[in-house]
Amino acid sequence: MPLYRHLHQLHLKSLQQGFSKSLARTVIIDGRKRILQSGSIHYPRATPEMWSDIIGKAKEGGLDVIETYVFWNYHEPVKNLYLC
């Protein structure tokens, strides 16, 4: 079993053992309560061509949400010069 699946199962088991605080943080999607799993991706550390594969692997690993930081120095390398 891949490590990420094992860790995901351990996390789910811990939730089932009575962590009621987590249940208060659920969202309802399609009528079902869900606890969303999130992880971060640092987009400047990969080329745009790699993003689809990275996001696919994150989804395969059980992530529902991807968070990212805004690397402001990447978008404004010189004061008042903005890159998209």
N, C-alpha and C. Protein backbone atom coordinates (compact mmCIF):
# COMPACT_ATOMS: atom_id res chain seq x y z
N MET A 1 0.85 -1.17 0.00
CA MET A 1 0.00 0.00 0.00
C MET A 1 0.91 1.24 0.00
N PRO A 2 0.64 2.20 -0.88
CA PRO A 2 1.44 3.42 -0.90
C PRO A 2 1.33 4.16 0.43
N LEU A 3 2.40 4.85 0.79
CA LEU A 3 2.46 5.56 2.08
C LEU A 3 1.32 6.56 2.24
N TYR A 4 1.00 7.33 1.17
CA TYR A 4 -0.04 8.34 1.32
C TYR A 4 -1.39 7.70 1.60
N ARG A 5 -1.67 6.53 1.02
CA ARG A 5 -2.94 5.84 1.30
C ARG A 5 -2.96 5.38 2.76
N HIS A 6 -1.84 4.85 3.24
CA HIS A 6 -1.75 4.40 4.62
C HIS A 6 -1.99 5.56 5.58
N LEU A 7 -1.33 6.69 5.34
CA LEU A 7 -1.51 7.86 6.20
C LEU A 7 -2.94 8.37 6.15
N HIS A 8 -3.54 8.34 4.95
CA HIS A 8 -4.94 8.77 4.81
C HIS A 8 -5.86 7.87 5.63
N GLN A 9 -5.61 6.55 5.58
CA GLN A 9 -6.45 5.62 6.34
C GLN A 9 -6.28 5.84 7.85
N LEU A 10 -5.04 6.11 8.29
CA LEU A 10 -4.82 6.39 9.71
C LEU A 10 -5.56 7.65 10.13
N HIS A 11 -5.55 8.66 9.26
CA HIS A 11 -6.25 9.91 9.57
C HIS A 11 -7.75 9.65 9.68
N LEU A 12 -8.31 8.90 8.76
CA LEU A 12 -9.74 8.61 8.80
C LEU A 12 -10.09 7.80 10.05
N LYS A 13 -9.22 6.85 10.41
CA LYS A 13 -9.46 6.04 11.61
C LYS A 13 -9.47 6.93 12.85
N SER A 14 -8.53 7.89 12.92
CA SER A 14 -8.48 8.78 14.08
C SER A 14 -9.75 9.63 14.16
N LEU A 15 -10.28 10.02 13.01
CA LEU A 15 -11.53 10.80 13.01
C LEU A 15 -12.69 9.98 13.52
N GLN A 16 -12.71 8.69 13.17
CA GLN A 16 -13.80 7.80 13.58
C GLN A 16 -13.75 7.51 15.07
N GLN A 17 -12.60 7.73 15.71
CA GLN A 17 -12.45 7.40 17.12
C GLN A 17 -12.88 8.54 18.03
N GLY A 18 -13.56 9.53 17.49
CA GLY A 18 -14.20 10.50 18.37
C GLY A 18 -13.62 11.90 18.42
N PHE A 19 -12.97 12.35 17.42
CA PHE A 19 -12.52 13.73 17.42
C PHE A 19 -13.68 14.61 16.96
N SER A 20 -14.57 14.95 17.89
CA SER A 20 -15.79 15.66 17.53
C SER A 20 -15.51 17.07 17.03
N LYS A 21 -14.39 17.68 17.40
CA LYS A 21 -14.07 19.00 16.89
C LYS A 21 -13.96 18.97 15.36
N SER A 22 -13.41 17.89 14.83
CA SER A 22 -13.29 17.78 13.39
C SER A 22 -14.66 17.72 12.72
N LEU A 23 -15.60 17.05 13.36
CA LEU A 23 -16.93 16.93 12.77
C LEU A 23 -17.62 18.28 12.67
N ALA A 24 -17.29 19.20 13.56
CA ALA A 24 -17.88 20.54 13.50
C ALA A 24 -17.33 21.32 12.31
N ARG A 25 -16.24 20.85 11.72
CA ARG A 25 -15.62 21.55 10.60
C ARG A 25 -15.96 20.91 9.26
N THR A 26 -17.01 20.17 9.21
CA THR A 26 -17.39 19.52 7.96
C THR A 26 -18.13 20.49 7.05
N VAL A 27 -18.14 20.15 5.78
CA VAL A 27 -18.98 20.84 4.81
C VAL A 27 -19.90 19.79 4.20
N ILE A 28 -21.02 20.24 3.70
CA ILE A 28 -21.94 19.31 3.08
C ILE A 28 -21.83 19.47 1.57
N ILE A 29 -21.48 18.37 0.91
CA ILE A 29 -21.35 18.33 -0.54
C ILE A 29 -22.22 17.19 -1.04
N ASP A 30 -23.14 17.52 -1.93
CA ASP A 30 -24.08 16.52 -2.45
C ASP A 30 -24.81 15.78 -1.33
N GLY A 31 -25.16 16.52 -0.27
CA GLY A 31 -25.92 15.95 0.82
C GLY A 31 -25.11 15.12 1.80
N ARG A 32 -23.80 15.06 1.63
CA ARG A 32 -22.94 14.27 2.53
C ARG A 32 -21.99 15.19 3.27
N LYS A 33 -21.79 14.92 4.58
CA LYS A 33 -20.80 15.67 5.34
C LYS A 33 -19.41 15.23 4.91
N ARG A 34 -18.55 16.19 4.67
CA ARG A 34 -17.17 15.89 4.25
C ARG A 34 -16.20 16.72 5.06
N ILE A 35 -15.08 16.14 5.38
CA ILE A 35 -13.94 16.87 5.93
C ILE A 35 -12.95 16.97 4.79
N LEU A 36 -12.70 18.17 4.35
CA LEU A 36 -11.83 18.36 3.19
C LEU A 36 -10.36 18.23 3.60
N GLN A 37 -9.61 17.55 2.76
CA GLN A 37 -8.17 17.37 2.95
C GLN A 37 -7.47 18.35 2.02
N SER A 38 -6.53 19.10 2.58
CA SER A 38 -5.84 20.08 1.74
C SER A 38 -4.33 19.91 1.83
N GLY A 39 -3.67 20.43 0.82
CA GLY A 39 -2.22 20.44 0.77
C GLY A 39 -1.80 21.64 -0.06
N SER A 40 -0.52 21.94 -0.03
CA SER A 40 -0.07 23.13 -0.75
C SER A 40 0.83 22.78 -1.92
N ILE A 41 0.77 23.63 -2.92
CA ILE A 41 1.63 23.52 -4.09
C ILE A 41 2.29 24.88 -4.27
N HIS A 42 3.59 24.89 -4.44
CA HIS A 42 4.32 26.13 -4.69
C HIS A 42 4.52 26.25 -6.19
N TYR A 43 3.62 26.95 -6.84
CA TYR A 43 3.61 27.00 -8.30
C TYR A 43 4.89 27.53 -8.93
N PRO A 44 5.65 28.44 -8.32
CA PRO A 44 6.88 28.89 -8.98
C PRO A 44 7.97 27.82 -9.03
N ARG A 45 7.79 26.77 -8.25
CA ARG A 45 8.81 25.72 -8.21
C ARG A 45 8.59 24.64 -9.27
N ALA A 46 7.61 24.85 -10.12
CA ALA A 46 7.32 23.92 -11.21
C ALA A 46 6.92 24.74 -12.43
N THR A 47 7.14 24.19 -13.60
CA THR A 47 6.72 24.88 -14.82
C THR A 47 5.21 24.71 -15.00
N PRO A 48 4.56 25.62 -15.69
CA PRO A 48 3.12 25.48 -15.92
C PRO A 48 2.76 24.14 -16.58
N GLU A 49 3.66 23.60 -17.37
CA GLU A 49 3.40 22.30 -18.01
C GLU A 49 3.32 21.17 -16.99
N MET A 50 3.92 21.34 -15.84
CA MET A 50 3.93 20.32 -14.79
C MET A 50 2.71 20.39 -13.88
N TRP A 51 2.01 21.52 -13.87
CA TRP A 51 0.94 21.73 -12.91
C TRP A 51 -0.16 20.68 -13.00
N SER A 52 -0.57 20.32 -14.20
CA SER A 52 -1.65 19.34 -14.36
C SER A 52 -1.27 18.01 -13.71
N ASP A 53 -0.04 17.57 -13.93
CA ASP A 53 0.42 16.31 -13.35
C ASP A 53 0.50 16.40 -11.83
N ILE A 54 1.01 17.51 -11.33
CA ILE A 54 1.13 17.70 -9.88
C ILE A 54 -0.25 17.71 -9.23
N ILE A 55 -1.19 18.43 -9.83
CA ILE A 55 -2.55 18.50 -9.28
C ILE A 55 -3.21 17.12 -9.35
N GLY A 56 -2.99 16.40 -10.45
CA GLY A 56 -3.54 15.04 -10.57
C GLY A 56 -3.01 14.12 -9.49
N LYS A 57 -1.72 14.21 -9.20
CA LYS A 57 -1.13 13.38 -8.14
C LYS A 57 -1.67 13.77 -6.77
N ALA A 58 -1.88 15.05 -6.56
CA ALA A 58 -2.45 15.50 -5.29
C ALA A 58 -3.86 14.94 -5.11
N LYS A 59 -4.64 14.97 -6.19
CA LYS A 59 -6.00 14.45 -6.14
C LYS A 59 -5.98 12.94 -5.90
N GLU A 60 -5.08 12.25 -6.59
CA GLU A 60 -4.93 10.80 -6.41
C GLU A 60 -4.54 10.46 -4.97
N GLY A 61 -3.76 11.35 -4.35
CA GLY A 61 -3.34 11.15 -2.97
C GLY A 61 -4.40 11.48 -1.94
N GLY A 62 -5.56 11.94 -2.38
CA GLY A 62 -6.66 12.18 -1.46
C GLY A 62 -6.94 13.62 -1.14
N LEU A 63 -6.27 14.56 -1.81
CA LEU A 63 -6.53 15.96 -1.52
C LEU A 63 -7.78 16.45 -2.23
N ASP A 64 -8.55 17.26 -1.53
CA ASP A 64 -9.74 17.88 -2.09
C ASP A 64 -9.49 19.34 -2.43
N VAL A 65 -8.55 19.95 -1.71
CA VAL A 65 -8.28 21.38 -1.81
C VAL A 65 -6.78 21.58 -1.98
N ILE A 66 -6.42 22.51 -2.85
CA ILE A 66 -5.01 22.86 -3.00
C ILE A 66 -4.86 24.32 -2.63
N GLU A 67 -3.95 24.57 -1.72
CA GLU A 67 -3.66 25.94 -1.32
C GLU A 67 -2.32 26.35 -1.92
N THR A 68 -2.13 27.63 -2.08
CA THR A 68 -0.86 28.11 -2.59
C THR A 68 -0.55 29.46 -1.97
N TYR A 69 0.70 29.76 -1.92
CA TYR A 69 1.16 31.06 -1.47
C TYR A 69 1.30 31.96 -2.68
N VAL A 70 1.17 33.25 -2.46
CA VAL A 70 1.47 34.21 -3.52
C VAL A 70 2.89 34.69 -3.28
N PHE A 71 3.78 34.33 -4.17
CA PHE A 71 5.18 34.74 -4.07
C PHE A 71 5.28 36.13 -4.72
N TRP A 72 5.07 37.15 -3.90
CA TRP A 72 4.94 38.48 -4.46
C TRP A 72 6.20 38.92 -5.19
N ASN A 73 7.38 38.52 -4.71
CA ASN A 73 8.62 38.90 -5.39
C ASN A 73 8.71 38.27 -6.78
N TYR A 74 7.95 37.21 -7.01
CA TYR A 74 7.88 36.58 -8.33
C TYR A 74 7.06 37.44 -9.29
N HIS A 75 6.04 38.09 -8.78
CA HIS A 75 5.15 38.90 -9.61
C HIS A 75 5.56 40.37 -9.69
N GLU A 76 6.38 40.81 -8.74
CA GLU A 76 6.86 42.19 -8.74
C GLU A 76 8.37 42.17 -8.44
N PRO A 77 9.17 41.74 -9.43
CA PRO A 77 10.61 41.63 -9.17
C PRO A 77 11.28 42.98 -8.93
N VAL A 78 10.71 44.02 -9.48
CA VAL A 78 11.19 45.39 -9.27
C VAL A 78 9.98 46.21 -8.86
N LYS A 79 10.16 47.11 -7.91
CA LYS A 79 9.03 47.91 -7.41
C LYS A 79 8.27 48.55 -8.57
N ASN A 80 6.95 48.33 -8.58
CA ASN A 80 6.00 48.85 -9.57
C ASN A 80 6.15 48.22 -10.96
N LEU A 81 6.88 47.11 -11.08
CA LEU A 81 6.95 46.35 -12.34
C LEU A 81 6.31 45.00 -12.05
N TYR A 82 5.13 44.78 -12.61
CA TYR A 82 4.34 43.57 -12.30
C TYR A 82 4.39 42.60 -13.47
N LEU A 83 4.62 41.32 -13.15
CA LEU A 83 4.60 40.25 -14.14
C LEU A 83 3.39 39.39 -13.90
N CYS A 84 2.76 38.94 -14.94
CA CYS A 84 1.59 38.08 -14.80
C CYS A 84 1.96 36.62 -14.87
